[in-house]
Amino acid sequence: MKTQYARQFSRREFLGGLTLASTAGLLGLQPGSVAAEPPPETTRLRIGQTAAICVPHLYLAQEFLPSEGFTDVQFVQIPGQLFVKPIVAGEVDFSMNFAGPLIIRVDAGDPIMLVAGGHVGCFELVGTDQVRAIRDLKGRTVAVSEMGGLTTSSSPA
């Protein structure tokens, strides 16, 4: 088995580095302090809350938000699964939501800003042996939890 060692400095490289460090010390060069970012314009943050498995990161972030300048963090309980209406109404500052309904509302002119993508493949189609793909739902009865909602269920034909 071959043992690897860190590359050793040549005498020339070592003396060059030592000379540079000594010169910087003699000239009084010191690293400057780093300026912190200014605090946020608002200290209140209202986060949409729902019972879903894909949002626990919002609850984990609560611990770190005060160090970023957010001193008033509120979780706003929203019935249903869509936060589009509360965001447009100004009741919620941000939340995690499926992109489809948001894009439709942005296209309609609602003042919504999409910051980042959250998930794409967390939907599951559950049905009988007759339903193997979404196209198999054509002509069947489909129930939704709310108009434009995310959760649907279908009944066999």
N, C-alpha and C. Protein backbone atom coordinates (compact mmCIF):
# COMPACT_ATOMS: atom_id res chain seq x y z
N MET A 1 0.84 -1.17 0.00
CA MET A 1 0.00 0.00 0.00
C MET A 1 0.89 1.24 0.00
N LYS A 2 0.56 2.19 -0.87
CA LYS A 2 1.38 3.38 -1.02
C LYS A 2 0.87 4.48 -0.10
N THR A 3 1.75 5.08 0.66
CA THR A 3 1.39 6.16 1.55
C THR A 3 1.60 7.48 0.82
N GLN A 4 0.58 8.34 0.84
CA GLN A 4 0.68 9.63 0.17
C GLN A 4 0.99 10.70 1.20
N TYR A 5 1.89 11.58 0.84
CA TYR A 5 2.25 12.70 1.70
C TYR A 5 1.84 14.00 1.02
N ALA A 6 1.64 15.01 1.83
CA ALA A 6 1.34 16.33 1.27
C ALA A 6 2.57 16.82 0.52
N ARG A 7 2.35 17.58 -0.54
CA ARG A 7 3.46 18.13 -1.32
C ARG A 7 4.29 19.04 -0.44
N GLN A 8 5.58 18.83 -0.43
CA GLN A 8 6.44 19.64 0.41
C GLN A 8 6.89 20.88 -0.36
N PHE A 9 7.08 21.96 0.37
CA PHE A 9 7.57 23.20 -0.24
C PHE A 9 9.05 23.04 -0.57
N SER A 10 9.43 23.66 -1.66
CA SER A 10 10.87 23.76 -1.92
C SER A 10 11.41 24.87 -1.03
N ARG A 11 12.69 24.90 -0.87
CA ARG A 11 13.30 25.94 -0.04
C ARG A 11 12.98 27.33 -0.62
N ARG A 12 12.97 27.42 -1.94
CA ARG A 12 12.71 28.69 -2.61
C ARG A 12 11.27 29.16 -2.34
N GLU A 13 10.27 28.24 -2.43
CA GLU A 13 8.86 28.60 -2.17
C GLU A 13 8.67 29.02 -0.71
N PHE A 14 9.30 28.30 0.19
CA PHE A 14 9.18 28.62 1.61
C PHE A 14 9.74 30.01 1.91
N LEU A 15 10.93 30.31 1.41
CA LEU A 15 11.55 31.62 1.65
C LEU A 15 10.76 32.74 0.98
N GLY A 16 10.18 32.46 -0.18
CA GLY A 16 9.34 33.47 -0.86
C GLY A 16 8.11 33.80 -0.03
N GLY A 17 7.44 32.80 0.51
CA GLY A 17 6.27 33.02 1.36
C GLY A 17 6.62 33.73 2.65
N LEU A 18 7.73 33.35 3.24
CA LEU A 18 8.19 33.98 4.48
C LEU A 18 8.54 35.45 4.25
N THR A 19 9.16 35.74 3.13
CA THR A 19 9.50 37.12 2.79
C THR A 19 8.24 37.96 2.59
N LEU A 20 7.27 37.41 1.90
CA LEU A 20 6.00 38.12 1.66
C LEU A 20 5.28 38.41 2.97
N ALA A 21 5.19 37.42 3.85
CA ALA A 21 4.52 37.62 5.14
C ALA A 21 5.27 38.63 6.00
N SER A 22 6.58 38.58 6.00
CA SER A 22 7.37 39.53 6.79
C SER A 22 7.20 40.94 6.27
N THR A 23 7.20 41.12 4.96
CA THR A 23 7.02 42.44 4.36
C THR A 23 5.65 43.00 4.72
N ALA A 24 4.62 42.18 4.64
CA ALA A 24 3.27 42.63 4.99
C ALA A 24 3.22 43.04 6.45
N GLY A 25 3.88 42.30 7.33
CA GLY A 25 3.90 42.64 8.75
C GLY A 25 4.64 43.94 9.02
N LEU A 26 5.76 44.15 8.33
CA LEU A 26 6.54 45.37 8.51
C LEU A 26 5.78 46.60 8.02
N LEU A 27 5.02 46.44 6.94
CA LEU A 27 4.25 47.56 6.40
C LEU A 27 2.96 47.81 7.18
N GLY A 28 2.64 46.92 8.10
CA GLY A 28 1.44 47.09 8.91
C GLY A 28 0.16 46.73 8.17
N LEU A 29 0.26 45.90 7.14
CA LEU A 29 -0.93 45.48 6.40
C LEU A 29 -1.69 44.45 7.21
N GLN A 30 -2.97 44.70 7.40
CA GLN A 30 -3.82 43.78 8.14
C GLN A 30 -5.12 43.61 7.36
N PRO A 31 -5.72 42.44 7.47
CA PRO A 31 -7.01 42.27 6.78
C PRO A 31 -8.05 43.20 7.39
N GLY A 32 -8.83 43.85 6.53
CA GLY A 32 -9.88 44.76 7.01
C GLY A 32 -11.09 44.00 7.51
N SER A 33 -11.89 44.66 8.30
CA SER A 33 -13.11 44.03 8.81
C SER A 33 -14.15 43.96 7.69
N VAL A 34 -14.94 42.95 7.72
CA VAL A 34 -15.96 42.74 6.71
C VAL A 34 -17.24 43.43 7.17
N ALA A 35 -17.82 44.23 6.31
CA ALA A 35 -19.05 44.94 6.64
C ALA A 35 -20.23 43.97 6.55
N ALA A 36 -21.07 44.01 7.55
CA ALA A 36 -22.25 43.16 7.56
C ALA A 36 -23.32 43.76 6.66
N GLU A 37 -24.23 42.91 6.19
CA GLU A 37 -25.34 43.41 5.39
C GLU A 37 -26.26 44.23 6.28
N PRO A 38 -26.92 45.24 5.71
CA PRO A 38 -27.86 46.02 6.52
C PRO A 38 -29.05 45.14 6.93
N PRO A 39 -29.73 45.50 8.01
CA PRO A 39 -30.89 44.71 8.43
C PRO A 39 -32.00 44.80 7.37
N PRO A 40 -32.92 43.85 7.37
CA PRO A 40 -33.99 43.88 6.38
C PRO A 40 -34.89 45.10 6.59
N GLU A 41 -35.57 45.50 5.52
CA GLU A 41 -36.45 46.67 5.59
C GLU A 41 -37.62 46.43 6.54
N THR A 42 -38.04 45.20 6.68
CA THR A 42 -39.14 44.86 7.59
C THR A 42 -38.66 43.78 8.54
N THR A 43 -39.16 43.81 9.75
CA THR A 43 -38.78 42.78 10.73
C THR A 43 -39.89 41.76 10.92
N ARG A 44 -41.06 42.01 10.33
CA ARG A 44 -42.18 41.08 10.44
C ARG A 44 -42.20 40.16 9.23
N LEU A 45 -42.43 38.88 9.48
CA LEU A 45 -42.49 37.89 8.43
C LEU A 45 -43.68 36.98 8.72
N ARG A 46 -44.64 36.92 7.78
CA ARG A 46 -45.82 36.06 7.92
C ARG A 46 -45.70 34.91 6.94
N ILE A 47 -45.64 33.70 7.49
CA ILE A 47 -45.43 32.49 6.69
C ILE A 47 -46.73 31.68 6.68
N GLY A 48 -47.18 31.30 5.49
CA GLY A 48 -48.38 30.47 5.36
C GLY A 48 -48.14 29.08 5.91
N GLN A 49 -49.07 28.61 6.72
CA GLN A 49 -48.92 27.32 7.39
C GLN A 49 -50.05 26.39 6.97
N THR A 50 -49.70 25.16 6.65
CA THR A 50 -50.67 24.14 6.31
C THR A 50 -50.14 22.78 6.76
N ALA A 51 -51.03 21.83 6.83
CA ALA A 51 -50.61 20.47 7.22
C ALA A 51 -50.18 19.73 5.96
N ALA A 52 -48.91 19.81 5.64
CA ALA A 52 -48.37 19.11 4.48
C ALA A 52 -46.97 18.61 4.82
N ILE A 53 -46.59 17.53 4.22
CA ILE A 53 -45.29 16.93 4.52
C ILE A 53 -44.14 17.69 3.86
N CYS A 54 -44.44 18.56 2.90
CA CYS A 54 -43.37 19.22 2.15
C CYS A 54 -42.99 20.60 2.70
N VAL A 55 -43.45 20.98 3.87
CA VAL A 55 -43.12 22.31 4.41
C VAL A 55 -42.37 22.33 5.74
N PRO A 56 -41.84 21.22 6.25
CA PRO A 56 -41.16 21.30 7.55
C PRO A 56 -39.94 22.20 7.55
N HIS A 57 -39.32 22.43 6.40
CA HIS A 57 -38.16 23.31 6.36
C HIS A 57 -38.53 24.74 6.78
N LEU A 58 -39.78 25.14 6.56
CA LEU A 58 -40.21 26.47 7.01
C LEU A 58 -40.19 26.55 8.53
N TYR A 59 -40.57 25.47 9.19
CA TYR A 59 -40.56 25.46 10.65
C TYR A 59 -39.13 25.40 11.19
N LEU A 60 -38.25 24.69 10.49
CA LEU A 60 -36.86 24.62 10.90
C LEU A 60 -36.16 25.97 10.72
N ALA A 61 -36.56 26.71 9.71
CA ALA A 61 -35.95 28.02 9.44
C ALA A 61 -36.30 29.04 10.52
N GLN A 62 -37.36 28.81 11.26
CA GLN A 62 -37.80 29.75 12.29
C GLN A 62 -36.69 30.06 13.29
N GLU A 63 -35.86 29.08 13.59
CA GLU A 63 -34.77 29.27 14.54
C GLU A 63 -33.71 30.25 14.03
N PHE A 64 -33.53 30.30 12.71
CA PHE A 64 -32.47 31.13 12.12
C PHE A 64 -32.95 32.52 11.70
N LEU A 65 -34.25 32.73 11.58
CA LEU A 65 -34.76 34.01 11.09
C LEU A 65 -34.42 35.20 11.99
N PRO A 66 -34.44 35.08 13.32
CA PRO A 66 -34.06 36.23 14.15
C PRO A 66 -32.63 36.69 13.91
N SER A 67 -31.72 35.78 13.64
CA SER A 67 -30.34 36.19 13.38
C SER A 67 -30.20 36.92 12.05
N GLU A 68 -31.20 36.80 11.18
CA GLU A 68 -31.21 37.52 9.91
C GLU A 68 -31.96 38.85 10.02
N GLY A 69 -32.47 39.16 11.23
CA GLY A 69 -33.13 40.45 11.44
C GLY A 69 -34.65 40.38 11.52
N PHE A 70 -35.23 39.20 11.37
CA PHE A 70 -36.69 39.06 11.46
C PHE A 70 -37.07 38.76 12.90
N THR A 71 -37.56 39.76 13.60
CA THR A 71 -37.87 39.60 15.03
C THR A 71 -39.31 39.22 15.28
N ASP A 72 -40.20 39.45 14.33
CA ASP A 72 -41.62 39.12 14.49
C ASP A 72 -42.00 38.11 13.41
N VAL A 73 -41.82 36.81 13.71
CA VAL A 73 -42.13 35.74 12.77
C VAL A 73 -43.46 35.12 13.17
N GLN A 74 -44.41 35.15 12.23
CA GLN A 74 -45.76 34.62 12.50
C GLN A 74 -46.08 33.53 11.48
N PHE A 75 -46.67 32.45 11.97
CA PHE A 75 -47.16 31.40 11.09
C PHE A 75 -48.67 31.58 10.99
N VAL A 76 -49.16 31.82 9.79
CA VAL A 76 -50.57 32.09 9.55
C VAL A 76 -51.23 30.83 9.03
N GLN A 77 -52.21 30.33 9.77
CA GLN A 77 -52.93 29.12 9.38
C GLN A 77 -53.88 29.46 8.24
N ILE A 78 -53.74 28.76 7.13
CA ILE A 78 -54.57 28.98 5.95
C ILE A 78 -55.37 27.71 5.70
N PRO A 79 -56.69 27.82 5.64
CA PRO A 79 -57.49 26.62 5.34
C PRO A 79 -57.27 26.21 3.88
N GLY A 80 -57.29 24.93 3.63
CA GLY A 80 -57.05 24.44 2.27
C GLY A 80 -55.57 24.30 2.03
N GLN A 81 -55.22 24.19 0.77
CA GLN A 81 -53.83 23.95 0.42
C GLN A 81 -53.21 25.05 -0.43
N LEU A 82 -54.01 25.95 -0.95
CA LEU A 82 -53.48 26.98 -1.83
C LEU A 82 -53.32 28.30 -1.09
N PHE A 83 -52.17 28.91 -1.25
CA PHE A 83 -51.89 30.18 -0.59
C PHE A 83 -52.01 31.35 -1.56
N VAL A 84 -52.55 31.13 -2.74
CA VAL A 84 -52.59 32.18 -3.75
C VAL A 84 -53.41 33.37 -3.27
N LYS A 85 -54.63 33.13 -2.82
CA LYS A 85 -55.50 34.24 -2.39
C LYS A 85 -54.92 34.98 -1.19
N PRO A 86 -54.44 34.31 -0.14
CA PRO A 86 -53.84 35.05 0.99
C PRO A 86 -52.60 35.85 0.59
N ILE A 87 -51.82 35.36 -0.35
CA ILE A 87 -50.64 36.11 -0.79
C ILE A 87 -51.07 37.36 -1.54
N VAL A 88 -52.03 37.22 -2.46
CA VAL A 88 -52.51 38.37 -3.23
C VAL A 88 -53.17 39.39 -2.30
N ALA A 89 -53.88 38.90 -1.28
CA ALA A 89 -54.57 39.80 -0.34
C ALA A 89 -53.61 40.44 0.66
N GLY A 90 -52.36 40.00 0.70
CA GLY A 90 -51.39 40.57 1.63
C GLY A 90 -51.47 39.99 3.03
N GLU A 91 -52.14 38.86 3.19
CA GLU A 91 -52.27 38.23 4.51
C GLU A 91 -51.04 37.37 4.85
N VAL A 92 -50.30 36.94 3.83
CA VAL A 92 -49.13 36.09 3.99
C VAL A 92 -48.00 36.69 3.16
N ASP A 93 -46.79 36.71 3.71
CA ASP A 93 -45.65 37.23 2.97
C ASP A 93 -45.05 36.20 2.03
N PHE A 94 -44.93 34.96 2.49
CA PHE A 94 -44.49 33.91 1.58
C PHE A 94 -44.90 32.55 2.11
N SER A 95 -44.86 31.59 1.21
CA SER A 95 -45.22 30.21 1.54
C SER A 95 -44.66 29.31 0.47
N MET A 96 -44.86 28.05 0.65
CA MET A 96 -44.49 27.09 -0.38
C MET A 96 -45.78 26.64 -1.04
N ASN A 97 -45.79 26.67 -2.36
CA ASN A 97 -47.01 26.37 -3.09
C ASN A 97 -46.64 25.68 -4.39
N PHE A 98 -47.57 24.94 -4.94
CA PHE A 98 -47.38 24.31 -6.24
C PHE A 98 -47.39 25.40 -7.31
N ALA A 99 -46.51 25.29 -8.28
CA ALA A 99 -46.31 26.35 -9.26
C ALA A 99 -47.48 26.52 -10.23
N GLY A 100 -48.18 25.46 -10.55
CA GLY A 100 -49.26 25.54 -11.54
C GLY A 100 -50.28 26.63 -11.27
N PRO A 101 -50.95 26.61 -10.11
CA PRO A 101 -51.94 27.66 -9.83
C PRO A 101 -51.32 29.05 -9.73
N LEU A 102 -50.07 29.14 -9.28
CA LEU A 102 -49.42 30.45 -9.19
C LEU A 102 -49.17 31.04 -10.56
N ILE A 103 -48.73 30.22 -11.50
CA ILE A 103 -48.47 30.71 -12.85
C ILE A 103 -49.75 31.21 -13.49
N ILE A 104 -50.85 30.52 -13.26
CA ILE A 104 -52.14 30.96 -13.80
C ILE A 104 -52.50 32.33 -13.23
N ARG A 105 -52.29 32.54 -11.93
CA ARG A 105 -52.62 33.83 -11.30
C ARG A 105 -51.66 34.95 -11.75
N VAL A 106 -50.40 34.62 -11.95
CA VAL A 106 -49.45 35.63 -12.46
C VAL A 106 -49.87 36.04 -13.86
N ASP A 107 -50.28 35.06 -14.68
CA ASP A 107 -50.73 35.35 -16.04
C ASP A 107 -51.99 36.22 -16.02
N ALA A 108 -52.81 36.07 -14.99
CA ALA A 108 -54.02 36.88 -14.86
C ALA A 108 -53.72 38.29 -14.34
N GLY A 109 -52.46 38.53 -13.95
CA GLY A 109 -52.09 39.88 -13.51
C GLY A 109 -51.98 40.07 -12.02
N ASP A 110 -52.09 38.99 -11.24
CA ASP A 110 -51.95 39.13 -9.78
C ASP A 110 -50.50 39.44 -9.42
N PRO A 111 -50.29 40.29 -8.40
CA PRO A 111 -48.92 40.67 -8.02
C PRO A 111 -48.25 39.60 -7.16
N ILE A 112 -47.80 38.53 -7.78
CA ILE A 112 -47.15 37.43 -7.08
C ILE A 112 -45.72 37.31 -7.59
N MET A 113 -44.79 37.13 -6.66
CA MET A 113 -43.40 36.91 -7.05
C MET A 113 -43.02 35.48 -6.72
N LEU A 114 -42.57 34.74 -7.72
CA LEU A 114 -42.11 33.38 -7.51
C LEU A 114 -40.61 33.44 -7.29
N VAL A 115 -40.16 32.93 -6.14
CA VAL A 115 -38.75 33.05 -5.77
C VAL A 115 -37.95 31.83 -6.19
N ALA A 116 -38.46 30.64 -5.90
CA ALA A 116 -37.70 29.42 -6.20
C ALA A 116 -38.64 28.25 -6.35
N GLY A 117 -38.16 27.23 -7.01
CA GLY A 117 -38.93 26.00 -7.14
C GLY A 117 -38.80 25.16 -5.89
N GLY A 118 -39.85 24.46 -5.55
CA GLY A 118 -39.80 23.64 -4.35
C GLY A 118 -39.80 22.16 -4.63
N HIS A 119 -40.73 21.73 -5.44
CA HIS A 119 -40.83 20.30 -5.72
C HIS A 119 -41.58 20.09 -7.01
N VAL A 120 -41.33 18.97 -7.63
CA VAL A 120 -42.00 18.67 -8.88
C VAL A 120 -42.68 17.31 -8.83
N GLY A 121 -42.06 16.35 -8.21
CA GLY A 121 -42.55 14.98 -8.30
C GLY A 121 -43.16 14.40 -7.05
N CYS A 122 -43.87 15.19 -6.27
CA CYS A 122 -44.40 14.63 -5.03
C CYS A 122 -45.90 14.33 -5.13
N PHE A 123 -46.43 14.26 -6.32
CA PHE A 123 -47.83 13.89 -6.47
C PHE A 123 -47.92 12.43 -6.84
N GLU A 124 -48.95 11.79 -6.33
CA GLU A 124 -49.11 10.37 -6.57
C GLU A 124 -50.53 10.12 -7.06
N LEU A 125 -50.67 9.33 -8.09
CA LEU A 125 -51.97 8.96 -8.62
C LEU A 125 -52.36 7.63 -8.01
N VAL A 126 -53.46 7.61 -7.30
CA VAL A 126 -53.93 6.40 -6.64
C VAL A 126 -55.27 6.02 -7.25
N GLY A 127 -55.41 4.79 -7.65
CA GLY A 127 -56.67 4.35 -8.24
C GLY A 127 -56.75 2.84 -8.26
N THR A 128 -57.73 2.34 -8.96
CA THR A 128 -57.89 0.89 -9.09
C THR A 128 -56.97 0.39 -10.20
N ASP A 129 -57.05 -0.89 -10.51
CA ASP A 129 -56.25 -1.46 -11.58
C ASP A 129 -56.59 -0.85 -12.94
N GLN A 130 -57.79 -0.25 -13.04
CA GLN A 130 -58.20 0.36 -14.30
C GLN A 130 -57.52 1.72 -14.53
N VAL A 131 -56.96 2.32 -13.48
CA VAL A 131 -56.32 3.62 -13.59
C VAL A 131 -54.81 3.43 -13.44
N ARG A 132 -54.10 3.51 -14.54
CA ARG A 132 -52.65 3.33 -14.52
C ARG A 132 -51.91 4.61 -14.90
N ALA A 133 -52.63 5.58 -15.45
CA ALA A 133 -52.03 6.85 -15.84
C ALA A 133 -53.09 7.95 -15.75
N ILE A 134 -52.67 9.19 -15.81
CA ILE A 134 -53.62 10.30 -15.72
C ILE A 134 -54.60 10.27 -16.88
N ARG A 135 -54.16 9.84 -18.06
CA ARG A 135 -55.08 9.78 -19.22
C ARG A 135 -56.23 8.81 -18.98
N ASP A 136 -56.05 7.85 -18.07
CA ASP A 136 -57.13 6.90 -17.75
C ASP A 136 -58.26 7.55 -16.97
N LEU A 137 -58.07 8.77 -16.49
CA LEU A 137 -59.12 9.47 -15.75
C LEU A 137 -60.12 10.16 -16.68
N LYS A 138 -59.82 10.20 -17.97
CA LYS A 138 -60.71 10.86 -18.93
C LYS A 138 -62.09 10.21 -18.90
N GLY A 139 -63.10 11.04 -18.73
CA GLY A 139 -64.47 10.56 -18.68
C GLY A 139 -64.91 10.08 -17.31
N ARG A 140 -64.07 10.20 -16.31
CA ARG A 140 -64.41 9.76 -14.95
C ARG A 140 -64.76 10.94 -14.08
N THR A 141 -65.31 10.68 -12.93
CA THR A 141 -65.64 11.72 -11.96
C THR A 141 -64.40 12.00 -11.12
N VAL A 142 -64.06 13.26 -11.01
CA VAL A 142 -62.89 13.67 -10.24
C VAL A 142 -63.34 14.67 -9.18
N ALA A 143 -62.92 14.45 -7.94
CA ALA A 143 -63.27 15.38 -6.86
C ALA A 143 -62.05 16.20 -6.49
N VAL A 144 -62.26 17.47 -6.17
CA VAL A 144 -61.17 18.34 -5.76
C VAL A 144 -61.49 18.90 -4.38
N SER A 145 -60.45 19.16 -3.60
CA SER A 145 -60.65 19.70 -2.26
C SER A 145 -61.05 21.18 -2.32
N GLU A 146 -60.62 21.89 -3.36
CA GLU A 146 -61.01 23.27 -3.59
C GLU A 146 -60.79 23.57 -5.07
N MET A 147 -61.53 24.54 -5.60
CA MET A 147 -61.40 24.86 -7.00
C MET A 147 -59.96 25.35 -7.26
N GLY A 148 -59.30 24.72 -8.20
CA GLY A 148 -57.90 25.04 -8.48
C GLY A 148 -56.96 24.38 -7.49
N GLY A 149 -57.51 23.49 -6.65
CA GLY A 149 -56.72 22.85 -5.61
C GLY A 149 -55.78 21.79 -6.14
N LEU A 150 -55.00 21.24 -5.23
CA LEU A 150 -53.98 20.28 -5.60
C LEU A 150 -54.41 18.85 -5.40
N THR A 151 -55.21 18.59 -4.37
CA THR A 151 -55.58 17.22 -4.04
C THR A 151 -56.85 16.85 -4.81
N THR A 152 -56.79 15.76 -5.54
CA THR A 152 -57.96 15.29 -6.26
C THR A 152 -58.14 13.81 -5.99
N SER A 153 -59.34 13.36 -6.18
CA SER A 153 -59.59 11.92 -6.11
C SER A 153 -60.61 11.59 -7.19
N SER A 154 -60.59 10.38 -7.67
CA SER A 154 -61.53 10.00 -8.72
C SER A 154 -62.24 8.74 -8.32
N SER A 155 -63.38 8.53 -8.96
CA SER A 155 -64.13 7.31 -8.70
C SER A 155 -64.14 6.47 -9.96
N PRO A 156 -64.17 5.15 -9.82
CA PRO A 156 -64.20 4.29 -11.02
C PRO A 156 -65.43 4.57 -11.86
N ALA A 157 -65.31 4.36 -13.17
CA ALA A 157 -66.42 4.61 -14.09
C ALA A 157 -67.46 3.54 -13.96
